[in-house]
Every structure is written in structure tokens, then in C-alpha cells.
């Protein structure tokens, strides 16, 4: 980006500052959805933009003019969440890696995607850029296709189906019918999003409870 005369902007929402510090890698501007892991409790709607003051002047003028700024209580909730961020992200990451290993070995799962898995094409990069852990987000695809997916979702008890991510509770979503529903089948296929793909935002529950819920749902 710098060689081309452009600024490097990094969305660091998923790893958070607890796992990744993009300014160390040359980023000029870093953004966060404070709705996700930064606040961590699914009770805030907000965002954060960080960078040199001179580069953020336009964003500041926009915010002052149109009002997309945090209210006092939302700001307090975000600060409350940040106080436990490092502890939460450690547990998120431990649980996500354990769940990813479990899903990778399960006969009902055809593919598990998580950067810290040895089978991931991004494993070496994740170890270099995210030495403290790869975060809470993973995805997996069921061998039985969409019917197996629908059956699994109905059988889950602890894990909840919801479109958001990044809070203390483990949630799953179905990208083909939510975040990527605007794409046609060919476009989703090129993006690697099948009808049997699920995204999982791993929470901080006891890992045994989490694995037991998936085991019951996948059996």
C-alpha cells in the first residue's frame, strides 16, 4: 500500500488489540466494530477508528456533522468490556482451537477452517502475525449438506443461531442465507460459501460443555 502511495487500513475487529497490534506491521489506520469482541457482551452498537490525528480530520468532521458517535452509556459499556478483553480473548482462542480440532476430526464434518489448524493454508501466516492466538472465529462445512446443517441447528441447546459475532456466548450463523444472501450461487461458490457452511463465533463457556453440545447435535 505504501509503495503505491496509499494508506494501509486494517479492520482488527476479530483479533482485537489483545491478539494483534496492526500499527507494529505498518498500518496507518485501524478500525474496530466495538459491537463485537471489544465490548464483548452483545449490548453495544458502535465503532472505533484509530490513527494519526491529521488522517482522521475528515472522519471527525463527518462524525460531528452527522452524529455517528457513541452515547455516554455505550461508551461506558465498551470501556467496561475492554477491561476484561485480554482475559476473554485468551479463553475465546483456547476454546476455538479446541473446537476446531474436534470438528476437523468429526466424521460429519467435511471441512473445518481455522487459521491455527495445521491443515490451514494460513497457518504459517497466523503464527507470524497472531502469535498469541488466532481468535474466536471459525467455520465448518457438514458432509451431509444443508439437510444435515438444519438438523444440527435444531439439536443445539447451548449454542445459539444468530447473525452477529464476538460476544461471550458461542453463536453460529449460516452465511449463505444471511451475510452473503445477496450473492447468487455461482458467486457464493467462488467465495467458498456453500449451503452447508456454518460460521461459528466461539465464546468463553466451559469447553467440555461446548463440545458436548456439538457432539449431541452432530450425532
Foldseek 3Di string as FASTA:
>chain_A
DVVVVDAAEEECAFLPPLFFDCVVVPHAKYKYQLCAQLLFANPAGAMDIDHDPVVCVVVVVVCVVPPRDDDPVNVVSSVVSNVCSNVFFLLLQVLQVVVQVVLCPDPQWPDKFFCCDPPHPNVVVCCVRGVSGRGNKIKTFTPVALVLQVQLQVQFDQEEEDDDAHHQGKYKYQCCVPVVVVDDPVVCVVVVRGRRMMMIGGHNPDSVVVVVRNVRSND
